[in-house]
Amino acid sequence: MIAPHRRSVLGGLCSCGLLGLGGCVTNMANEAPMTAGYRPQSDTDEGGLWYIVDRVERNVERSRYRVRDPDWNTYLTDIVRRLSPDLHADMRVYLLRAPYFNASMAPNGMMQVNSGLLLRAKDEAQLAAVIGHEIGHYTQKHGLARMRDAKARADVGIFLSMGLALAGVGAAGDLANLLLIAGQYSYSREHEREADEIGLQRMAAAGYRPMAASEVWQQLIEEDEADPNRQSPSVLFATHPAQQERMETLKGRAQQISGGDRHADRYRTHISKIRALLLEDELRLRQYDRSLVLLRRLQAETPEDGELIYFEGEVYRLRDGDGDRRLARETYEKALAAGGCPPEAWRALGQIQRKDSQHDAARGSFRRYLELKPEADDRMIIKSYLERSV
């Protein structure tokens, strides 16, 4: 696993989401839902779409951003199997190291799950809600409908040029172009509502608590509203049904379906192995106010989690606004008292103490850091400071 670059990652995460193209108004009444083992004839428009997506999938398989951890890939595949016992054999799941909330489903059965989604799901049921929604797009062949609508609106040239680029024939375009395309060419609101309904039904059949679907949407709204730089709705919100409407619709439907489990403990067991890495990626986005909303939501589940408290301190340190240095110091101290935080908490506290001219305290913090992590990559720098400050 490697540190993600925003432009390259976004190219990967957008690739499948763009393949169908078009805010669709095509009547899908004559298109049969997906069946097990289905593959279109190569001389049809659907066959041509699958050809492009198959080429994209080969690139995804080799992608440097693909997470190849066998435990997580087995875990995600098992969730897909529970949600889709009828079609799971035709689906492949790829986990990508991309710190954005997203999952996408291509017409040929390729699913991409971003690591940013894993960080934002509070339990397995919430993750299953997103995956079930994407399976809904797949079963109803919404990607095919989007392509046909694009052709009907004379956008086939855009479709072909972008499809070839994503398949590796040409350049995939810069970040701005990808965002523009992602905002303009997306599922219709009718398709999103249909996928929501199918996702809820599959969650209930698999034994998950359907209310988790509305909770995911509420959490996204909270993050979006916390961003002080937000001038307009995000791409995600701009192309979906109205935020409040969708959340309330999902909640209302879930209330009609009783039972279901969250499998929170099972999810925490899996996420604990990679959570620190995901949080590091989250901070690289420099969306500090949104990250604070996320961290506080996670802390509400486990308030004495030293690792989560440490990363909250990192937000304050990196944001470096008025009063943030004091907040960072207090938060690091709280993390160390709670226990379970990484050794880097001592280094970060030492950095704050050094800036505040508390040199004796800083030396003590740095020494404790090296005791806990003697092979740290920055040990020579820390040792040099300790030698100079004696």
Protein backbone atom coordinates (compact mmCIF):
# COMPACT_ATOMS: atom_id res chain seq x y z
CA MET A 1 0.00 0.00 0.00
CA ILE A 2 1.22 3.46 -0.90
CA ALA A 3 0.36 7.03 -0.12
CA PRO A 4 -2.43 8.19 -2.46
CA HIS A 5 -2.17 11.11 -4.82
CA ARG A 6 -5.47 12.92 -5.11
CA ARG A 7 -5.59 13.19 -8.91
CA SER A 8 -4.58 9.59 -9.59
CA VAL A 9 -6.90 8.22 -6.93
CA LEU A 10 -9.85 10.17 -8.21
CA GLY A 11 -9.20 8.87 -11.68
CA GLY A 12 -9.44 5.38 -10.29
CA LEU A 13 -12.53 5.97 -8.21
CA CYS A 14 -14.37 7.76 -11.01
CA SER A 15 -13.57 5.20 -13.69
CA CYS A 16 -16.45 2.83 -13.09
CA GLY A 17 -18.85 5.53 -12.02
CA LEU A 18 -18.50 7.19 -15.42
CA LEU A 19 -18.74 4.20 -17.68
CA GLY A 20 -22.45 4.19 -18.32
CA LEU A 21 -22.82 7.93 -18.85
CA GLY A 22 -25.87 10.09 -18.81
CA GLY A 23 -28.59 11.25 -16.43
CA CYS A 24 -30.96 8.63 -17.74
CA VAL A 25 -34.59 9.17 -18.77
CA THR A 26 -34.71 5.99 -20.86
CA ASN A 27 -37.63 3.67 -20.21
CA MET A 28 -36.15 0.46 -18.81
CA ALA A 29 -39.43 -1.46 -18.84
CA ASN A 30 -38.28 -3.65 -21.74
CA GLU A 31 -34.87 -4.44 -20.23
CA ALA A 32 -34.82 -7.63 -18.17
CA PRO A 33 -32.97 -7.50 -14.83
CA MET A 34 -29.59 -9.17 -14.50
CA THR A 35 -29.54 -12.95 -14.25
CA ALA A 36 -26.81 -15.31 -13.05
CA GLY A 37 -24.18 -16.07 -15.66
CA TYR A 38 -25.43 -13.41 -18.04
CA ARG A 39 -23.13 -11.91 -20.67
CA PRO A 40 -24.38 -9.83 -23.63
CA GLN A 41 -23.71 -10.61 -27.27
CA SER A 42 -20.55 -8.86 -28.45
CA ASP A 43 -22.29 -7.27 -31.47
CA THR A 44 -24.79 -5.33 -29.29
CA ASP A 45 -24.44 -1.91 -27.71
CA GLU A 46 -24.40 -3.61 -24.31
CA GLY A 47 -21.65 -5.94 -25.51
CA GLY A 48 -19.61 -2.92 -26.57
CA LEU A 49 -20.06 -1.38 -23.12
CA TRP A 50 -18.90 -4.58 -21.45
CA TYR A 51 -15.86 -4.70 -23.72
CA ILE A 52 -14.74 -1.29 -22.50
CA VAL A 53 -15.44 -2.11 -18.87
CA ASP A 54 -13.57 -5.40 -19.13
CA ARG A 55 -10.50 -3.46 -20.28
CA VAL A 56 -10.89 -1.03 -17.40
CA GLU A 57 -11.12 -3.93 -14.95
CA ARG A 58 -7.79 -5.30 -16.14
CA ASN A 59 -6.24 -1.93 -15.29
CA VAL A 60 -7.94 -1.93 -11.88
CA GLU A 61 -6.54 -5.39 -11.17
CA ARG A 62 -3.01 -4.06 -11.75
CA SER A 63 -3.58 -0.68 -10.09
CA ARG A 64 -1.05 0.52 -7.54
CA TYR A 65 -4.01 1.76 -5.50
CA ARG A 66 -5.61 -1.64 -5.20
CA VAL A 67 -5.49 -3.01 -1.65
CA ARG A 68 -4.49 -6.66 -1.88
CA ASP A 69 -4.96 -7.57 1.77
CA PRO A 70 -6.54 -11.07 1.65
CA ASP A 71 -8.46 -10.62 4.90
CA TRP A 72 -10.26 -7.50 3.71
CA ASN A 73 -10.92 -8.85 0.23
CA THR A 74 -12.46 -12.00 1.71
CA TYR A 75 -14.51 -9.90 4.12
CA LEU A 76 -15.94 -7.68 1.37
CA THR A 77 -16.62 -10.65 -0.87
CA ASP A 78 -18.55 -12.32 1.96
CA ILE A 79 -20.73 -9.22 2.38
CA VAL A 80 -21.51 -9.26 -1.34
CA ARG A 81 -22.37 -12.95 -1.10
CA ARG A 82 -24.80 -12.31 1.77
CA LEU A 83 -26.46 -9.44 -0.07
CA SER A 84 -26.61 -11.19 -3.42
CA PRO A 85 -26.72 -14.98 -3.09
CA ASP A 86 -28.19 -15.17 -6.59
CA LEU A 87 -25.56 -13.12 -8.44
CA HIS A 88 -22.45 -12.95 -6.26
CA ALA A 89 -20.53 -15.44 -8.41
CA ASP A 90 -20.62 -12.90 -11.27
CA MET A 91 -19.21 -10.04 -9.18
CA ARG A 92 -15.61 -9.09 -8.34
CA VAL A 93 -14.83 -6.66 -5.53
CA TYR A 94 -11.76 -4.40 -5.60
CA LEU A 95 -10.78 -2.37 -2.54
CA LEU A 96 -8.95 0.82 -3.50
CA ARG A 97 -6.86 3.00 -1.24
CA ALA A 98 -8.74 6.22 -1.86
CA PRO A 99 -9.76 8.43 1.10
CA TYR A 100 -13.15 9.40 -0.34
CA PHE A 101 -16.62 8.10 0.39
CA ASN A 102 -17.48 6.06 -2.66
CA ALA A 103 -18.35 2.69 -4.07
CA SER A 104 -19.27 1.95 -7.66
CA MET A 105 -20.61 -0.94 -9.67
CA ALA A 106 -19.82 -1.48 -13.34
CA PRO A 107 -22.22 -3.22 -15.74
CA ASN A 108 -19.94 -6.27 -16.03
CA GLY A 109 -19.99 -7.02 -12.28
CA MET A 110 -16.86 -5.13 -11.23
CA MET A 111 -17.34 -3.37 -7.89
CA GLN A 112 -14.90 -0.81 -6.51
CA VAL A 113 -14.97 0.10 -2.81
CA ASN A 114 -12.96 3.07 -1.59
CA SER A 115 -11.10 2.92 1.70
CA GLY A 116 -12.76 6.22 2.67
CA LEU A 117 -16.07 4.38 2.79
CA LEU A 118 -14.66 1.86 5.27
CA LEU A 119 -13.56 4.66 7.57
CA ARG A 120 -17.01 6.26 7.55
CA ALA A 121 -19.09 3.16 8.13
CA LYS A 122 -19.82 2.67 11.83
CA ASP A 123 -20.68 -1.00 11.45
CA GLU A 124 -21.06 -3.75 8.89
CA ALA A 125 -24.72 -2.89 8.31
CA GLN A 126 -23.80 0.63 7.13
CA LEU A 127 -21.18 -0.77 4.77
CA ALA A 128 -23.71 -3.31 3.52
CA ALA A 129 -26.19 -0.49 2.87
CA VAL A 130 -23.83 1.15 0.38
CA ILE A 131 -22.82 -2.13 -1.23
CA GLY A 132 -26.47 -3.21 -1.49
CA HIS A 133 -27.32 0.07 -3.21
CA GLU A 134 -24.60 -0.53 -5.81
CA ILE A 135 -25.84 -4.08 -6.36
CA GLY A 136 -29.24 -2.53 -7.09
CA HIS A 137 -27.71 -0.52 -9.94
CA TYR A 138 -26.16 -3.72 -11.26
CA THR A 139 -29.26 -5.91 -11.10
CA GLN A 140 -31.40 -3.31 -12.89
CA LYS A 141 -28.74 -2.57 -15.56
CA HIS A 142 -28.78 1.14 -14.84
CA GLY A 143 -25.36 1.57 -16.46
CA LEU A 144 -26.75 0.31 -19.77
CA ALA A 145 -29.64 2.75 -19.52
CA ARG A 146 -27.22 5.62 -18.97
CA MET A 147 -25.23 4.69 -22.05
CA ARG A 148 -28.34 4.46 -24.24
CA ASP A 149 -29.55 7.82 -23.01
CA ALA A 150 -26.15 9.35 -23.81
CA LYS A 151 -26.41 8.00 -27.35
CA ALA A 152 -29.95 9.33 -27.70
CA ARG A 153 -28.68 12.78 -26.69
CA ALA A 154 -25.85 12.60 -29.24
CA ASP A 155 -23.24 12.25 -26.49
CA VAL A 156 -21.87 9.03 -27.92
CA GLY A 157 -18.65 10.78 -28.96
CA ILE A 158 -17.97 11.80 -25.38
CA PHE A 159 -18.79 8.28 -24.23
CA LEU A 160 -16.40 6.64 -26.69
CA SER A 161 -13.52 9.03 -26.07
CA MET A 162 -13.84 8.74 -22.32
CA GLY A 163 -14.31 4.98 -22.43
CA LEU A 164 -11.16 4.51 -24.47
CA ALA A 165 -9.20 6.78 -22.15
CA LEU A 166 -10.33 4.89 -19.08
CA ALA A 167 -9.51 1.62 -20.78
CA GLY A 168 -5.92 2.77 -21.15
CA VAL A 169 -5.87 3.93 -24.76
CA GLY A 170 -5.48 7.59 -23.89
CA ALA A 171 -5.07 9.93 -20.94
CA ALA A 172 -7.86 9.82 -18.40
CA GLY A 173 -7.89 13.59 -17.94
CA ASP A 174 -7.04 15.86 -15.05
CA LEU A 175 -8.89 16.24 -11.77
CA ALA A 176 -11.08 19.13 -12.89
CA ASN A 177 -12.29 17.25 -15.96
CA LEU A 178 -13.01 14.13 -13.95
CA LEU A 179 -15.07 16.10 -11.46
CA LEU A 180 -16.95 17.81 -14.28
CA ILE A 181 -17.75 14.53 -15.96
CA ALA A 182 -18.70 12.86 -12.69
CA GLY A 183 -21.13 15.69 -11.96
CA GLN A 184 -22.71 15.75 -15.42
CA TYR A 185 -22.92 12.06 -16.20
CA SER A 186 -24.46 10.10 -13.36
CA TYR A 187 -27.42 7.97 -12.46
CA SER A 188 -30.83 9.58 -12.61
CA ARG A 189 -32.70 10.26 -9.41
CA GLU A 190 -35.22 7.58 -10.38
CA HIS A 191 -32.39 5.06 -10.65
CA GLU A 192 -30.96 6.13 -7.30
CA ARG A 193 -34.34 5.66 -5.64
CA GLU A 194 -34.75 2.25 -7.24
CA ALA A 195 -31.26 1.19 -6.12
CA ASP A 196 -32.05 2.42 -2.58
CA GLU A 197 -35.17 0.25 -2.46
CA ILE A 198 -33.40 -2.82 -3.78
CA GLY A 199 -30.56 -2.25 -1.35
CA LEU A 200 -32.98 -2.15 1.59
CA GLN A 201 -34.69 -5.35 0.47
CA ARG A 202 -31.38 -7.15 0.11
CA MET A 203 -30.17 -5.88 3.48
CA ALA A 204 -33.27 -7.19 5.18
CA ALA A 205 -33.02 -10.57 3.43
CA ALA A 206 -29.36 -10.84 4.49
CA GLY A 207 -30.19 -10.09 8.13
CA TYR A 208 -28.81 -6.55 8.28
CA ARG A 209 -30.62 -3.69 10.01
CA PRO A 210 -32.11 -1.53 7.18
CA MET A 211 -32.06 1.66 9.30
CA ALA A 212 -28.30 1.76 8.69
CA ALA A 213 -28.93 3.08 5.16
CA SER A 214 -30.50 6.35 6.34
CA GLU A 215 -27.78 6.75 8.97
CA VAL A 216 -25.06 6.67 6.32
CA TRP A 217 -26.78 9.47 4.45
CA GLN A 218 -27.23 11.55 7.60
CA GLN A 219 -23.53 11.17 8.38
CA LEU A 220 -22.59 12.40 4.91
CA ILE A 221 -24.84 15.41 5.30
CA GLU A 222 -23.16 16.29 8.61
CA GLU A 223 -19.71 16.14 7.03
CA ASP A 224 -20.79 18.19 4.05
CA GLU A 225 -22.35 20.89 6.20
CA ALA A 226 -19.21 21.13 8.34
CA ASP A 227 -17.02 22.15 5.41
CA PRO A 228 -16.50 25.95 5.59
CA ASN A 229 -15.22 25.99 2.00
CA ARG A 230 -18.33 24.39 0.56
CA GLN A 231 -19.82 26.83 -1.95
CA SER A 232 -22.24 24.43 -3.60
CA PRO A 233 -23.46 20.88 -3.10
CA SER A 234 -20.83 18.24 -3.73
CA VAL A 235 -20.89 16.06 -6.82
CA LEU A 236 -22.39 13.28 -4.72
CA PHE A 237 -25.29 15.41 -3.50
CA ALA A 238 -25.82 17.32 -6.75
CA THR A 239 -26.72 14.19 -8.71
CA HIS A 240 -28.81 12.39 -6.10
CA PRO A 241 -32.29 13.04 -4.73
CA ALA A 242 -32.47 15.94 -2.26
CA GLN A 243 -30.42 15.14 0.82
CA GLN A 244 -33.14 15.41 3.44
CA GLU A 245 -35.69 13.75 1.18
CA ARG A 246 -33.51 10.73 0.57
CA MET A 247 -32.58 10.30 4.21
CA GLU A 248 -36.20 10.53 5.33
CA THR A 249 -37.39 8.16 2.61
CA LEU A 250 -34.80 5.56 3.61
CA LYS A 251 -35.71 6.00 7.26
CA GLY A 252 -39.42 5.66 6.58
CA ARG A 253 -38.96 2.50 4.53
CA ALA A 254 -36.59 1.01 7.12
CA GLN A 255 -39.19 1.55 9.86
CA GLN A 256 -41.49 -0.76 7.94
CA ILE A 257 -38.89 -3.54 8.06
CA SER A 258 -38.26 -4.96 11.52
CA GLY A 259 -35.24 -6.78 12.86
CA GLY A 260 -31.73 -7.08 11.54
CA ASP A 261 -28.26 -6.91 13.07
CA ARG A 262 -25.49 -4.34 12.82
CA HIS A 263 -22.52 -6.70 13.32
CA ALA A 264 -20.61 -3.80 14.86
CA ASP A 265 -18.10 -5.95 16.75
CA ARG A 266 -17.24 -7.95 13.64
CA TYR A 267 -16.70 -4.73 11.73
CA ARG A 268 -14.51 -3.17 14.44
CA THR A 269 -12.33 -6.27 14.46
CA HIS A 270 -11.59 -5.82 10.76
CA ILE A 271 -11.29 -2.03 10.68
CA SER A 272 -8.95 -1.89 13.69
CA LYS A 273 -6.16 -3.46 11.62
CA ILE A 274 -6.10 -0.65 9.05
CA ARG A 275 -7.84 2.28 10.75
CA ALA A 276 -4.67 4.25 11.55
CA LEU A 277 -3.62 4.08 7.91
CA LEU A 278 -7.07 5.23 6.77
CA LEU A 279 -6.99 8.14 9.21
CA GLU A 280 -3.57 9.20 7.92
CA ASP A 281 -5.00 9.26 4.40
CA GLU A 282 -7.99 11.26 5.64
CA LEU A 283 -5.75 13.97 7.11
CA ARG A 284 -3.84 14.29 3.82
CA LEU A 285 -7.03 15.70 2.28
CA ARG A 286 -6.67 18.76 4.54
CA GLN A 287 -10.42 18.96 5.03
CA TYR A 288 -9.98 19.46 8.73
CA ASP A 289 -13.49 20.51 9.73
CA ARG A 290 -15.01 17.55 7.93
CA SER A 291 -12.41 15.26 9.52
CA LEU A 292 -13.34 16.54 12.98
CA VAL A 293 -16.97 15.61 12.38
CA LEU A 294 -15.87 12.14 11.34
CA LEU A 295 -13.52 11.67 14.31
CA ARG A 296 -16.05 12.85 16.87
CA ARG A 297 -18.64 10.50 15.43
CA LEU A 298 -16.21 7.61 15.73
CA GLN A 299 -15.29 8.64 19.28
CA ALA A 300 -18.95 8.60 20.26
CA GLU A 301 -18.83 4.83 19.79
CA THR A 302 -15.57 4.37 21.73
CA PRO A 303 -14.90 7.57 23.74
CA GLU A 304 -11.75 6.26 25.46
CA ASP A 305 -10.03 5.22 22.24
CA GLY A 306 -6.57 6.78 22.46
CA GLU A 307 -5.87 6.34 18.76
CA LEU A 308 -8.95 8.34 17.72
CA ILE A 309 -8.16 11.05 20.27
CA TYR A 310 -4.59 11.26 18.94
CA PHE A 311 -5.83 11.84 15.39
CA GLU A 312 -8.13 14.58 16.65
CA GLY A 313 -5.01 16.24 18.07
CA GLU A 314 -3.37 15.84 14.67
CA VAL A 315 -6.25 17.77 13.08
CA TYR A 316 -5.64 20.71 15.41
CA ARG A 317 -1.88 20.62 14.87
CA LEU A 318 -2.15 20.52 11.10
CA ARG A 319 -4.95 23.10 10.88
CA ASP A 320 -2.86 25.46 13.02
CA GLY A 321 -5.52 28.13 13.48
CA ASP A 322 -6.12 30.41 16.44
CA GLY A 323 -6.06 28.32 19.59
CA ASP A 324 -5.30 25.09 17.73
CA ARG A 325 -1.88 24.62 19.33
CA ARG A 326 -3.43 24.62 22.79
CA LEU A 327 -6.19 22.25 21.63
CA ALA A 328 -3.60 19.94 20.09
CA ARG A 329 -1.52 19.79 23.28
CA GLU A 330 -4.56 19.11 25.46
CA THR A 331 -5.83 16.45 23.07
CA TYR A 332 -2.47 14.66 22.88
CA GLU A 333 -2.32 14.60 26.66
CA LYS A 334 -5.84 13.19 26.76
CA ALA A 335 -4.89 10.50 24.22
CA LEU A 336 -1.84 9.46 26.24
CA ALA A 337 -3.90 9.25 29.40
CA ALA A 338 -6.50 7.11 27.66
CA GLY A 339 -3.93 4.64 26.37
CA GLY A 340 -3.85 2.74 23.13
CA CYS A 341 -2.52 5.66 21.11
CA PRO A 342 0.47 5.30 18.78
CA PRO A 343 4.01 6.31 19.86
CA GLU A 344 3.71 9.28 17.49
CA ALA A 345 1.54 10.97 20.11
CA TRP A 346 4.68 11.54 22.22
CA ARG A 347 6.52 13.00 19.22
CA ALA A 348 3.60 15.30 18.38
CA LEU A 349 3.35 16.46 21.99
CA GLY A 350 7.09 17.14 21.99
CA GLN A 351 6.75 19.26 18.87
CA ILE A 352 4.08 21.38 20.53
CA GLN A 353 6.10 21.70 23.73
CA ARG A 354 9.17 22.74 21.75
CA LYS A 355 7.24 25.49 19.98
CA ASP A 356 6.00 26.70 23.35
CA SER A 357 9.63 26.80 24.61
CA GLN A 358 8.94 24.00 27.10
CA HIS A 359 12.26 22.36 26.26
CA ASP A 360 12.58 20.09 29.30
CA ALA A 361 9.10 18.68 28.66
CA ALA A 362 9.84 18.38 24.94
CA ARG A 363 13.00 16.37 25.57
CA GLY A 364 11.09 14.03 27.86
CA SER A 365 8.39 13.50 25.23
CA PHE A 366 10.91 12.85 22.46
CA ARG A 367 12.83 10.37 24.62
CA ARG A 368 9.62 8.50 25.38
CA TYR A 369 8.83 8.39 21.66
CA LEU A 370 12.19 6.80 20.87
CA GLU A 371 11.78 4.31 23.71
CA LEU A 372 8.49 3.12 22.23
CA LYS A 373 9.68 3.27 18.61
CA PRO A 374 13.46 2.83 18.56
CA GLU A 375 13.54 2.11 14.81
CA ALA A 376 11.49 5.16 13.83
CA ASP A 377 12.36 6.64 10.43
CA ASP A 378 12.95 10.04 12.02
CA ARG A 379 15.02 8.77 14.96
CA MET A 380 18.21 10.47 13.77
CA ILE A 381 16.49 13.84 13.60
CA ILE A 382 15.06 13.38 17.08
CA LYS A 383 18.41 12.24 18.48
CA SER A 384 20.14 15.24 16.91
CA TYR A 385 17.70 17.60 18.62
CA LEU A 386 18.21 15.86 21.97
CA GLU A 387 22.01 16.11 21.64
CA ARG A 388 21.92 19.80 20.73
CA SER A 389 19.53 20.72 23.52
CA VAL A 390 21.48 19.10 26.37
